[in-house]
N, C-alpha and C. Protein backbone atom coordinates (compact mmCIF):
# COMPACT_ATOMS: atom_id res chain seq x y z
N MET A 1 45.10 79.89 108.56
CA MET A 1 45.76 78.58 108.58
C MET A 1 47.26 78.76 108.34
N THR A 2 48.10 78.20 109.19
CA THR A 2 49.54 78.33 109.06
C THR A 2 50.06 77.40 107.97
N LYS A 3 50.89 77.95 107.09
CA LYS A 3 51.51 77.12 106.05
C LYS A 3 52.52 76.17 106.67
N ARG A 4 52.50 74.93 106.23
CA ARG A 4 53.49 73.96 106.69
C ARG A 4 54.66 73.98 105.73
N ASP A 5 55.85 74.00 106.27
CA ASP A 5 57.07 73.96 105.46
C ASP A 5 57.23 72.56 104.88
N PRO A 6 57.14 72.40 103.55
CA PRO A 6 57.28 71.07 102.95
C PRO A 6 58.60 70.40 103.28
N ALA A 7 59.63 71.18 103.58
CA ALA A 7 60.93 70.59 103.90
C ALA A 7 60.86 69.76 105.18
N GLU A 8 59.88 70.05 106.04
CA GLU A 8 59.74 69.28 107.26
C GLU A 8 59.39 67.83 106.98
N ASP A 9 58.77 67.59 105.83
CA ASP A 9 58.35 66.25 105.47
C ASP A 9 59.37 65.51 104.61
N ALA A 10 60.46 66.16 104.27
CA ALA A 10 61.46 65.55 103.40
C ALA A 10 62.18 64.42 104.12
N ASP A 11 62.35 63.31 103.42
CA ASP A 11 63.06 62.16 103.98
C ASP A 11 64.54 62.30 103.64
N TRP A 12 65.22 63.23 104.36
CA TRP A 12 66.62 63.48 104.04
C TRP A 12 67.49 62.27 104.36
N ALA A 13 67.21 61.58 105.45
CA ALA A 13 68.01 60.40 105.80
C ALA A 13 67.90 59.35 104.70
N GLY A 14 66.67 59.14 104.19
CA GLY A 14 66.49 58.19 103.10
C GLY A 14 67.20 58.62 101.84
N TYR A 15 67.18 59.93 101.58
CA TYR A 15 67.88 60.46 100.41
C TYR A 15 69.39 60.21 100.51
N TYR A 16 69.95 60.51 101.69
CA TYR A 16 71.39 60.29 101.86
C TYR A 16 71.74 58.81 101.71
N GLU A 17 70.91 57.93 102.29
CA GLU A 17 71.18 56.49 102.19
C GLU A 17 71.14 56.03 100.75
N SER A 18 70.21 56.58 99.97
CA SER A 18 70.07 56.15 98.57
C SER A 18 71.25 56.60 97.72
N HIS A 19 72.00 57.59 98.20
CA HIS A 19 73.14 58.11 97.44
C HIS A 19 74.48 57.72 98.05
N THR A 20 74.46 56.73 98.94
CA THR A 20 75.70 56.30 99.58
C THR A 20 76.72 55.87 98.52
N GLY A 21 77.95 56.37 98.66
CA GLY A 21 79.01 55.99 97.72
C GLY A 21 78.99 56.76 96.41
N ARG A 22 78.15 57.78 96.31
CA ARG A 22 78.10 58.54 95.06
C ARG A 22 79.40 59.29 94.83
N PRO A 23 79.72 59.61 93.57
CA PRO A 23 80.93 60.40 93.31
C PRO A 23 80.75 61.86 93.69
N VAL A 24 81.85 62.56 93.81
CA VAL A 24 81.82 64.00 94.05
C VAL A 24 81.11 64.68 92.88
N ARG A 25 80.26 65.64 93.18
CA ARG A 25 79.49 66.29 92.12
C ARG A 25 80.40 67.06 91.17
N ASP A 26 80.01 67.01 89.90
CA ASP A 26 80.81 67.65 88.86
C ASP A 26 80.94 69.15 89.10
N LEU A 27 79.94 69.76 89.71
CA LEU A 27 79.98 71.20 89.98
C LEU A 27 81.19 71.55 90.85
N LEU A 28 81.47 70.73 91.86
CA LEU A 28 82.63 71.01 92.71
C LEU A 28 83.92 70.79 91.93
N LEU A 29 83.97 69.78 91.10
CA LEU A 29 85.18 69.54 90.31
C LEU A 29 85.45 70.72 89.38
N ARG A 30 84.38 71.29 88.80
CA ARG A 30 84.54 72.48 87.96
C ARG A 30 85.09 73.64 88.77
N ALA A 31 84.59 73.80 89.99
CA ALA A 31 85.04 74.91 90.84
C ALA A 31 86.51 74.74 91.22
N LEU A 32 86.91 73.53 91.55
CA LEU A 32 88.30 73.28 91.91
C LEU A 32 89.22 73.53 90.71
N SER A 33 88.76 73.15 89.54
CA SER A 33 89.55 73.38 88.33
C SER A 33 89.69 74.88 88.07
N ARG A 34 88.63 75.62 88.31
CA ARG A 34 88.66 77.07 88.10
C ARG A 34 89.61 77.74 89.10
N LEU A 35 89.57 77.28 90.35
CA LEU A 35 90.42 77.87 91.38
C LEU A 35 91.88 77.57 91.12
N GLY A 36 92.15 76.37 90.56
CA GLY A 36 93.52 75.99 90.30
C GLY A 36 94.25 75.68 91.59
N ARG A 37 95.49 76.08 91.68
CA ARG A 37 96.27 75.83 92.88
C ARG A 37 95.79 76.74 94.00
N GLN A 38 95.23 76.13 95.04
CA GLN A 38 94.68 76.95 96.11
C GLN A 38 95.79 77.59 96.93
N PRO A 39 95.49 78.77 97.47
CA PRO A 39 96.49 79.45 98.30
C PRO A 39 96.75 78.69 99.59
N ARG A 40 97.88 79.01 100.24
CA ARG A 40 98.19 78.37 101.52
C ARG A 40 97.08 78.71 102.52
N ASP A 41 96.75 77.73 103.36
CA ASP A 41 95.69 77.90 104.35
C ASP A 41 94.36 78.24 103.69
N ALA A 42 94.10 77.65 102.53
CA ALA A 42 92.86 77.92 101.81
C ALA A 42 91.64 77.46 102.62
N VAL A 43 90.57 78.24 102.50
CA VAL A 43 89.33 77.97 103.23
C VAL A 43 88.21 77.70 102.24
N ALA A 44 87.45 76.64 102.51
CA ALA A 44 86.27 76.33 101.71
C ALA A 44 85.06 76.27 102.62
N VAL A 45 83.92 76.69 102.11
CA VAL A 45 82.65 76.62 102.84
C VAL A 45 81.71 75.72 102.06
N ASP A 46 81.12 74.74 102.74
CA ASP A 46 80.15 73.84 102.13
C ASP A 46 78.79 74.16 102.72
N LEU A 47 77.98 74.89 101.97
CA LEU A 47 76.65 75.29 102.42
C LEU A 47 75.64 74.20 102.08
N GLY A 48 75.10 73.57 103.10
CA GLY A 48 74.22 72.44 102.87
C GLY A 48 75.04 71.19 102.63
N CYS A 49 75.81 70.80 103.64
CA CYS A 49 76.82 69.75 103.45
C CYS A 49 76.24 68.37 103.23
N GLY A 50 74.97 68.15 103.57
CA GLY A 50 74.30 66.90 103.22
C GLY A 50 75.01 65.67 103.76
N ASP A 51 75.36 64.75 102.86
CA ASP A 51 75.98 63.49 103.30
C ASP A 51 77.49 63.62 103.51
N GLY A 52 78.05 64.81 103.25
CA GLY A 52 79.46 65.04 103.54
C GLY A 52 80.42 64.69 102.43
N THR A 53 79.91 64.24 101.27
CA THR A 53 80.81 63.82 100.18
C THR A 53 81.71 64.96 99.72
N GLU A 54 81.13 66.13 99.50
CA GLU A 54 81.93 67.25 99.00
C GLU A 54 82.84 67.83 100.09
N SER A 55 82.37 67.88 101.33
CA SER A 55 83.24 68.35 102.41
C SER A 55 84.47 67.45 102.54
N ALA A 56 84.27 66.15 102.45
CA ALA A 56 85.39 65.21 102.54
C ALA A 56 86.37 65.42 101.39
N ALA A 57 85.85 65.67 100.18
CA ALA A 57 86.71 65.91 99.02
C ALA A 57 87.53 67.18 99.20
N LEU A 58 86.91 68.21 99.76
CA LEU A 58 87.62 69.46 100.00
C LEU A 58 88.71 69.29 101.05
N LEU A 59 88.43 68.51 102.08
CA LEU A 59 89.45 68.24 103.09
C LEU A 59 90.63 67.48 102.48
N ARG A 60 90.33 66.50 101.64
CA ARG A 60 91.40 65.74 100.99
C ARG A 60 92.24 66.63 100.08
N ALA A 61 91.61 67.68 99.54
CA ALA A 61 92.32 68.60 98.66
C ALA A 61 93.16 69.61 99.44
N GLY A 62 93.07 69.58 100.77
CA GLY A 62 93.93 70.43 101.58
C GLY A 62 93.27 71.66 102.17
N PHE A 63 91.97 71.84 101.95
CA PHE A 63 91.27 73.01 102.48
C PHE A 63 90.98 72.85 103.97
N ARG A 64 90.88 73.98 104.64
CA ARG A 64 90.17 74.03 105.91
C ARG A 64 88.71 74.24 105.56
N VAL A 65 87.82 73.40 106.08
CA VAL A 65 86.44 73.38 105.61
C VAL A 65 85.48 73.79 106.73
N PHE A 66 84.58 74.72 106.38
CA PHE A 66 83.45 75.07 107.23
C PHE A 66 82.21 74.49 106.57
N ALA A 67 81.58 73.53 107.23
CA ALA A 67 80.39 72.87 106.68
C ALA A 67 79.19 73.24 107.53
N VAL A 68 78.07 73.51 106.87
CA VAL A 68 76.87 73.90 107.62
C VAL A 68 75.65 73.23 106.99
N ASP A 69 74.73 72.83 107.85
CA ASP A 69 73.47 72.25 107.39
C ASP A 69 72.47 72.40 108.54
N SER A 70 71.20 72.56 108.19
CA SER A 70 70.18 72.68 109.23
C SER A 70 69.82 71.32 109.83
N SER A 71 70.30 70.24 109.21
CA SER A 71 70.00 68.88 109.66
C SER A 71 71.11 68.35 110.56
N VAL A 72 70.75 67.93 111.77
CA VAL A 72 71.72 67.31 112.67
C VAL A 72 72.29 66.05 112.05
N ASP A 73 71.44 65.27 111.37
CA ASP A 73 71.90 64.03 110.74
C ASP A 73 72.93 64.32 109.65
N ALA A 74 72.70 65.39 108.87
CA ALA A 74 73.65 65.75 107.81
C ALA A 74 75.01 66.11 108.39
N VAL A 75 75.02 66.90 109.46
CA VAL A 75 76.29 67.29 110.07
C VAL A 75 76.99 66.06 110.65
N ARG A 76 76.23 65.15 111.25
CA ARG A 76 76.83 63.92 111.77
C ARG A 76 77.47 63.12 110.65
N ARG A 77 76.77 62.98 109.54
CA ARG A 77 77.32 62.25 108.39
C ARG A 77 78.58 62.93 107.85
N THR A 78 78.57 64.24 107.83
CA THR A 78 79.73 64.99 107.32
C THR A 78 80.96 64.76 108.19
N ILE A 79 80.77 64.77 109.49
CA ILE A 79 81.89 64.52 110.40
C ILE A 79 82.42 63.11 110.20
N LEU A 80 81.54 62.13 110.05
CA LEU A 80 81.97 60.75 109.83
C LEU A 80 82.71 60.62 108.50
N ALA A 81 82.20 61.29 107.46
CA ALA A 81 82.83 61.21 106.14
C ALA A 81 84.21 61.83 106.15
N ALA A 82 84.43 62.80 107.01
CA ALA A 82 85.73 63.49 107.08
C ALA A 82 86.84 62.59 107.59
N GLY A 83 86.48 61.63 108.45
CA GLY A 83 87.49 60.72 108.99
C GLY A 83 88.59 61.46 109.72
N PRO A 84 89.85 61.05 109.53
CA PRO A 84 90.96 61.71 110.24
C PRO A 84 91.18 63.16 109.83
N GLU A 85 90.63 63.55 108.67
CA GLU A 85 90.78 64.94 108.22
C GLU A 85 89.88 65.89 109.00
N ALA A 86 89.05 65.36 109.90
CA ALA A 86 88.10 66.19 110.63
C ALA A 86 88.77 67.24 111.51
N VAL A 87 90.06 67.13 111.71
CA VAL A 87 90.77 68.16 112.49
C VAL A 87 90.73 69.51 111.80
N ARG A 88 90.48 69.50 110.47
CA ARG A 88 90.40 70.77 109.72
C ARG A 88 88.97 71.09 109.33
N LEU A 89 88.01 70.44 110.00
CA LEU A 89 86.60 70.64 109.70
C LEU A 89 85.90 71.33 110.86
N THR A 90 85.13 72.37 110.51
CA THR A 90 84.22 73.00 111.47
C THR A 90 82.81 72.78 110.95
N ALA A 91 82.05 71.95 111.64
CA ALA A 91 80.70 71.58 111.18
C ALA A 91 79.66 72.21 112.11
N THR A 92 78.68 72.86 111.51
CA THR A 92 77.71 73.63 112.28
C THR A 92 76.28 73.27 111.87
N VAL A 93 75.42 73.08 112.85
CA VAL A 93 73.99 72.89 112.60
C VAL A 93 73.33 74.26 112.65
N GLU A 94 72.96 74.77 111.49
CA GLU A 94 72.35 76.09 111.41
C GLU A 94 71.72 76.28 110.03
N GLY A 95 70.69 77.08 109.96
CA GLY A 95 70.07 77.41 108.68
C GLY A 95 70.82 78.51 107.97
N PHE A 96 70.66 78.59 106.65
CA PHE A 96 71.35 79.60 105.86
C PHE A 96 70.95 81.02 106.25
N ALA A 97 69.70 81.18 106.68
CA ALA A 97 69.19 82.53 106.92
C ALA A 97 69.99 83.28 107.98
N THR A 98 70.64 82.55 108.89
CA THR A 98 71.37 83.20 109.97
C THR A 98 72.86 82.91 109.95
N TYR A 99 73.31 82.06 109.05
CA TYR A 99 74.72 81.63 109.07
C TYR A 99 75.63 82.74 108.56
N ALA A 100 76.65 83.06 109.34
CA ALA A 100 77.64 84.07 108.96
C ALA A 100 78.74 83.38 108.15
N VAL A 101 78.71 83.54 106.85
CA VAL A 101 79.66 82.86 105.97
C VAL A 101 81.06 83.44 106.20
N PRO A 102 82.04 82.61 106.57
CA PRO A 102 83.38 83.14 106.83
C PRO A 102 84.10 83.48 105.53
N PRO A 103 85.11 84.35 105.57
CA PRO A 103 85.90 84.64 104.36
C PRO A 103 86.45 83.34 103.78
N ALA A 104 86.32 83.18 102.46
CA ALA A 104 86.64 81.89 101.85
C ALA A 104 87.24 82.04 100.46
N ASP A 105 88.02 81.04 100.09
CA ASP A 105 88.56 80.94 98.74
C ASP A 105 87.61 80.18 97.83
N LEU A 106 86.73 79.36 98.43
CA LEU A 106 85.75 78.61 97.66
C LEU A 106 84.50 78.44 98.50
N VAL A 107 83.37 78.79 97.92
CA VAL A 107 82.07 78.54 98.55
C VAL A 107 81.29 77.60 97.64
N TYR A 108 80.91 76.45 98.19
CA TYR A 108 80.19 75.44 97.41
C TYR A 108 78.78 75.27 97.98
N ALA A 109 77.79 75.26 97.09
CA ALA A 109 76.40 75.06 97.52
C ALA A 109 75.70 74.26 96.43
N GLY A 110 75.79 72.95 96.51
CA GLY A 110 75.17 72.09 95.50
C GLY A 110 73.76 71.69 95.92
N PHE A 111 72.76 72.11 95.17
CA PHE A 111 71.37 71.76 95.44
C PHE A 111 70.94 72.13 96.86
N SER A 112 71.44 73.24 97.37
CA SER A 112 71.07 73.64 98.73
C SER A 112 70.44 75.03 98.78
N LEU A 113 71.04 76.02 98.15
CA LEU A 113 70.50 77.39 98.24
C LEU A 113 69.08 77.52 97.70
N PRO A 114 68.65 76.70 96.71
CA PRO A 114 67.25 76.82 96.29
C PRO A 114 66.25 76.54 97.41
N PHE A 115 66.70 75.88 98.48
CA PHE A 115 65.80 75.60 99.58
C PHE A 115 65.71 76.76 100.57
N CYS A 116 66.37 77.88 100.25
CA CYS A 116 66.15 79.12 101.00
C CYS A 116 64.77 79.66 100.65
N ARG A 117 64.10 80.20 101.62
CA ARG A 117 62.86 80.91 101.32
C ARG A 117 63.20 82.14 100.48
N PRO A 118 62.33 82.51 99.54
CA PRO A 118 62.60 83.67 98.67
C PRO A 118 62.93 84.94 99.45
N ALA A 119 62.31 85.13 100.60
CA ALA A 119 62.57 86.34 101.38
C ALA A 119 63.98 86.34 101.98
N ASP A 120 64.53 85.14 102.21
CA ASP A 120 65.86 85.03 102.81
C ASP A 120 66.98 85.02 101.77
N PHE A 121 66.66 84.59 100.56
CA PHE A 121 67.71 84.32 99.57
C PHE A 121 68.60 85.54 99.26
N PRO A 122 68.05 86.74 99.02
CA PRO A 122 68.93 87.87 98.67
C PRO A 122 70.00 88.14 99.73
N ASP A 123 69.62 88.08 101.00
CA ASP A 123 70.60 88.34 102.06
C ASP A 123 71.63 87.23 102.13
N VAL A 124 71.19 85.97 101.97
CA VAL A 124 72.13 84.85 101.97
C VAL A 124 73.13 84.99 100.83
N TRP A 125 72.62 85.34 99.64
CA TRP A 125 73.51 85.48 98.49
C TRP A 125 74.50 86.64 98.68
N SER A 126 74.03 87.72 99.28
CA SER A 126 74.92 88.86 99.55
C SER A 126 76.05 88.45 100.48
N ARG A 127 75.74 87.63 101.48
CA ARG A 127 76.77 87.18 102.41
C ARG A 127 77.75 86.22 101.74
N VAL A 128 77.25 85.40 100.83
CA VAL A 128 78.14 84.51 100.07
C VAL A 128 79.12 85.33 99.24
N ARG A 129 78.61 86.32 98.52
CA ARG A 129 79.47 87.16 97.68
C ARG A 129 80.48 87.93 98.52
N ALA A 130 80.02 88.47 99.63
CA ALA A 130 80.91 89.26 100.48
C ALA A 130 82.02 88.40 101.08
N ALA A 131 81.76 87.10 101.22
CA ALA A 131 82.76 86.21 101.83
C ALA A 131 83.89 85.85 100.88
N LEU A 132 83.69 86.03 99.58
CA LEU A 132 84.70 85.61 98.61
C LEU A 132 85.95 86.48 98.69
N ARG A 133 87.07 85.85 98.89
CA ARG A 133 88.34 86.56 98.83
C ARG A 133 88.68 86.87 97.37
N PRO A 134 89.58 87.82 97.10
CA PRO A 134 89.98 88.08 95.71
C PRO A 134 90.44 86.78 95.04
N GLY A 135 89.87 86.50 93.87
CA GLY A 135 90.16 85.26 93.17
C GLY A 135 89.31 84.10 93.64
N GLY A 136 88.49 84.31 94.67
CA GLY A 136 87.67 83.25 95.22
C GLY A 136 86.55 82.81 94.29
N VAL A 137 86.13 81.56 94.45
CA VAL A 137 85.15 80.93 93.56
C VAL A 137 83.91 80.53 94.35
N VAL A 138 82.74 80.77 93.76
CA VAL A 138 81.50 80.25 94.30
C VAL A 138 80.90 79.30 93.26
N ALA A 139 80.47 78.14 93.72
CA ALA A 139 79.85 77.14 92.85
C ALA A 139 78.49 76.78 93.43
N VAL A 140 77.45 77.00 92.64
CA VAL A 140 76.10 76.82 93.17
C VAL A 140 75.17 76.31 92.08
N THR A 141 74.26 75.43 92.46
CA THR A 141 73.17 75.01 91.59
C THR A 141 71.91 75.74 92.03
N LEU A 142 71.27 76.43 91.09
CA LEU A 142 70.03 77.15 91.35
C LEU A 142 68.90 76.53 90.55
N PHE A 143 67.71 76.48 91.12
CA PHE A 143 66.54 75.96 90.41
C PHE A 143 66.00 77.02 89.45
N GLY A 144 65.71 76.60 88.21
CA GLY A 144 65.12 77.50 87.23
C GLY A 144 63.61 77.61 87.37
N GLU A 145 63.05 78.61 86.73
CA GLU A 145 61.62 78.89 86.88
C GLU A 145 60.72 77.86 86.20
N ARG A 146 61.28 77.01 85.34
CA ARG A 146 60.48 75.96 84.71
C ARG A 146 60.65 74.60 85.40
N ASP A 147 61.31 74.57 86.52
CA ASP A 147 61.42 73.35 87.30
C ASP A 147 60.04 72.95 87.82
N SER A 148 59.78 71.65 87.91
CA SER A 148 58.45 71.21 88.32
C SER A 148 58.14 71.50 89.78
N TRP A 149 59.14 71.89 90.56
CA TRP A 149 58.90 72.29 91.95
C TRP A 149 58.63 73.79 92.07
N ALA A 150 58.54 74.50 90.96
CA ALA A 150 58.50 75.96 90.99
C ALA A 150 57.29 76.52 91.75
N SER A 151 56.29 75.70 92.00
CA SER A 151 55.12 76.18 92.74
C SER A 151 55.32 76.11 94.26
N GLU A 152 56.43 75.51 94.70
CA GLU A 152 56.67 75.39 96.14
C GLU A 152 56.96 76.77 96.74
N TRP A 153 56.19 77.16 97.72
CA TRP A 153 56.25 78.53 98.26
C TRP A 153 57.53 78.81 99.03
N ASP A 154 58.17 77.75 99.55
CA ASP A 154 59.29 77.97 100.46
C ASP A 154 60.65 77.85 99.78
N ARG A 155 60.68 77.79 98.46
CA ARG A 155 61.94 77.59 97.73
C ARG A 155 62.15 78.72 96.74
N THR A 156 63.39 78.91 96.33
CA THR A 156 63.75 80.00 95.44
C THR A 156 64.02 79.48 94.04
N PHE A 157 63.41 80.13 93.05
CA PHE A 157 63.57 79.77 91.64
C PHE A 157 63.96 81.02 90.87
N VAL A 158 64.80 80.85 89.86
CA VAL A 158 65.36 82.02 89.17
C VAL A 158 65.26 81.87 87.66
N SER A 159 65.26 83.02 86.99
CA SER A 159 65.33 83.07 85.53
C SER A 159 66.78 83.25 85.10
N ALA A 160 67.03 83.10 83.80
CA ALA A 160 68.39 83.33 83.29
C ALA A 160 68.82 84.77 83.54
N GLN A 161 67.90 85.71 83.40
CA GLN A 161 68.22 87.12 83.67
C GLN A 161 68.60 87.32 85.14
N ARG A 162 67.87 86.64 86.02
CA ARG A 162 68.18 86.77 87.45
C ARG A 162 69.56 86.20 87.76
N VAL A 163 69.94 85.10 87.12
CA VAL A 163 71.28 84.53 87.33
C VAL A 163 72.34 85.55 86.92
N ASP A 164 72.11 86.23 85.79
CA ASP A 164 73.06 87.25 85.35
C ASP A 164 73.16 88.38 86.38
N GLU A 165 72.03 88.75 86.97
CA GLU A 165 72.04 89.80 87.98
C GLU A 165 72.79 89.35 89.24
N LEU A 166 72.61 88.10 89.62
CA LEU A 166 73.26 87.58 90.82
C LEU A 166 74.78 87.51 90.65
N THR A 167 75.24 87.32 89.43
CA THR A 167 76.68 87.18 89.19
C THR A 167 77.31 88.46 88.64
N ALA A 168 76.56 89.55 88.59
CA ALA A 168 77.10 90.81 88.09
C ALA A 168 78.33 91.21 88.91
N GLY A 169 79.41 91.60 88.21
CA GLY A 169 80.64 91.95 88.88
C GLY A 169 81.59 90.80 89.09
N LEU A 170 81.08 89.59 88.88
CA LEU A 170 81.91 88.39 88.93
C LEU A 170 82.09 87.86 87.51
N ASP A 171 83.17 87.13 87.27
CA ASP A 171 83.26 86.36 86.04
C ASP A 171 82.54 85.04 86.28
N ALA A 172 81.86 84.53 85.25
CA ALA A 172 81.00 83.37 85.50
C ALA A 172 80.97 82.42 84.32
N ASP A 173 80.85 81.14 84.66
CA ASP A 173 80.64 80.07 83.69
C ASP A 173 79.34 79.38 84.11
N ILE A 174 78.30 79.53 83.28
CA ILE A 174 76.96 79.08 83.65
C ILE A 174 76.49 78.00 82.68
N ILE A 175 76.07 76.87 83.23
CA ILE A 175 75.51 75.80 82.42
C ILE A 175 74.05 75.63 82.82
N GLU A 176 73.16 75.89 81.86
CA GLU A 176 71.73 75.73 82.10
C GLU A 176 71.30 74.36 81.58
N GLU A 177 70.59 73.60 82.41
CA GLU A 177 70.13 72.26 82.03
C GLU A 177 68.62 72.16 82.24
N GLU A 178 67.98 71.50 81.30
CA GLU A 178 66.54 71.26 81.43
C GLU A 178 66.23 69.89 80.84
N ARG A 179 65.60 69.05 81.64
CA ARG A 179 65.31 67.68 81.19
C ARG A 179 64.27 67.05 82.11
N ASP A 180 63.65 65.99 81.62
CA ASP A 180 62.78 65.16 82.45
C ASP A 180 63.62 64.07 83.09
N GLY A 181 63.38 63.81 84.35
CA GLY A 181 64.18 62.81 85.03
C GLY A 181 63.50 62.32 86.29
N GLU A 182 64.29 61.76 87.19
CA GLU A 182 63.79 61.21 88.44
C GLU A 182 64.48 61.90 89.62
N ALA A 183 63.68 62.39 90.54
CA ALA A 183 64.18 62.84 91.83
C ALA A 183 63.93 61.74 92.84
N PHE A 184 64.45 61.89 94.05
CA PHE A 184 64.22 60.88 95.08
C PHE A 184 62.73 60.72 95.35
N SER A 185 61.97 61.80 95.17
CA SER A 185 60.54 61.78 95.44
C SER A 185 59.73 61.25 94.27
N GLY A 186 60.36 61.04 93.09
CA GLY A 186 59.64 60.53 91.93
C GLY A 186 59.96 61.31 90.66
N PRO A 187 59.16 61.12 89.59
CA PRO A 187 59.41 61.81 88.32
C PRO A 187 59.41 63.33 88.50
N LYS A 188 60.29 64.00 87.76
CA LYS A 188 60.44 65.44 87.94
C LYS A 188 60.99 66.06 86.66
N HIS A 189 60.47 67.24 86.32
CA HIS A 189 61.07 68.04 85.25
C HIS A 189 62.10 68.95 85.91
N CYS A 190 63.34 68.80 85.52
CA CYS A 190 64.44 69.54 86.14
C CYS A 190 64.86 70.72 85.27
N HIS A 191 64.93 71.88 85.87
CA HIS A 191 65.46 73.07 85.21
C HIS A 191 66.40 73.73 86.21
N VAL A 192 67.69 73.69 85.92
CA VAL A 192 68.69 74.19 86.86
C VAL A 192 69.74 75.02 86.14
N PHE A 193 70.38 75.88 86.92
CA PHE A 193 71.56 76.63 86.48
C PHE A 193 72.73 76.20 87.36
N ASN A 194 73.74 75.61 86.74
CA ASN A 194 74.96 75.25 87.46
C ASN A 194 75.97 76.37 87.25
N VAL A 195 76.21 77.13 88.30
CA VAL A 195 76.98 78.36 88.21
C VAL A 195 78.33 78.20 88.90
N VAL A 196 79.40 78.49 88.17
CA VAL A 196 80.73 78.65 88.76
C VAL A 196 81.15 80.09 88.48
N ALA A 197 81.27 80.89 89.51
CA ALA A 197 81.61 82.31 89.35
C ALA A 197 82.78 82.64 90.27
N TRP A 198 83.57 83.61 89.85
CA TRP A 198 84.76 83.93 90.64
C TRP A 198 84.98 85.43 90.70
N ARG A 199 85.49 85.84 91.85
CA ARG A 199 85.77 87.25 92.08
C ARG A 199 87.11 87.59 91.43
N PRO A 200 87.16 88.61 90.60
CA PRO A 200 88.43 89.00 89.99
C PRO A 200 89.47 89.37 91.04
N LEU A 201 90.72 89.20 90.68
CA LEU A 201 91.80 89.56 91.59
C LEU A 201 91.91 91.06 91.78
N VAL A 202 91.38 91.82 90.78
CA VAL A 202 91.34 93.27 90.91
C VAL A 202 89.98 93.67 91.46
N ASP A 203 89.83 94.94 91.78
CA ASP A 203 88.59 95.47 92.32
C ASP A 203 87.44 95.14 91.38
N GLU A 204 86.34 94.57 91.93
CA GLU A 204 85.19 94.19 91.12
C GLU A 204 84.65 95.34 90.30
N SER A 205 84.64 96.53 90.87
CA SER A 205 84.04 97.68 90.18
C SER A 205 84.83 98.07 88.95
N ALA A 206 86.11 97.66 88.90
CA ALA A 206 86.95 98.04 87.78
C ALA A 206 87.10 96.92 86.75
N SER A 207 86.44 95.80 87.02
CA SER A 207 86.60 94.62 86.16
C SER A 207 85.40 94.45 85.25
N ALA A 208 85.67 94.11 84.00
CA ALA A 208 84.58 93.80 83.07
C ALA A 208 83.98 92.46 83.44
N HIS A 209 82.66 92.36 83.36
CA HIS A 209 81.96 91.12 83.70
C HIS A 209 82.02 90.17 82.51
N ALA A 210 82.61 89.01 82.71
CA ALA A 210 82.68 87.99 81.67
C ALA A 210 81.76 86.84 82.05
N CYS A 211 80.91 86.46 81.12
CA CYS A 211 79.96 85.39 81.41
C CYS A 211 79.90 84.42 80.24
N ALA A 212 80.23 83.17 80.51
CA ALA A 212 80.10 82.12 79.50
C ALA A 212 78.89 81.28 79.85
N ARG A 213 78.01 81.06 78.88
CA ARG A 213 76.78 80.33 79.16
C ARG A 213 76.60 79.22 78.13
N SER A 214 76.20 78.06 78.62
CA SER A 214 75.84 76.97 77.73
C SER A 214 74.56 76.34 78.23
N THR A 215 73.84 75.68 77.35
CA THR A 215 72.57 75.09 77.71
C THR A 215 72.51 73.64 77.27
N ALA A 216 71.75 72.87 78.02
CA ALA A 216 71.52 71.47 77.67
C ALA A 216 70.06 71.17 77.92
N PHE A 217 69.32 70.90 76.87
CA PHE A 217 67.88 70.65 76.99
C PHE A 217 67.57 69.24 76.48
N ALA A 218 66.74 68.55 77.23
CA ALA A 218 66.31 67.20 76.82
C ALA A 218 64.93 66.93 77.40
N GLY A 219 64.21 66.04 76.76
CA GLY A 219 62.91 65.65 77.29
C GLY A 219 61.83 66.68 77.05
């Protein structure tokens, strides 16, 4: 019997509609603060651009933005959200497993990379890291192993140790959160790692790994 990909049944259009007008996610604001003054002709990549809120914010901040999502509707929404700034937007309909991440000063992936299949995730993460320019920042939310979706076969879940392994050689600020709450699909126990990591300006192999970690548990 062939396994059905649960993502095929996801009501992404309904999810985007329910979040219309939402603010820019705090994870991206943390990443922008970490990057500081972006270099001239700065490039940002939005992996899993969704409703386009973060891509639009990056365009307003002056970046050239590469946005990618496997959903045609998501890419359409991203282009509309960009408005006149769309001249600096390259939007692509493609899955992470095959997407060639361009060299970037900032790579943002909010609630998207966990939807990589476990077999695909290591290669996707390697391409994200390789794309970071010196001083470049990656901001990503990863699902923890105690998340209530952890039994889903097609998604990637990580431990705190695994997060440390993924960010080895980078400096990192990691916020671990665990709480009971509501997802679009209903009640959910959330366990996530909000990671902002950056490539040192010097050679990674010669740089000491600095990692700041904080936790927030509720419910």
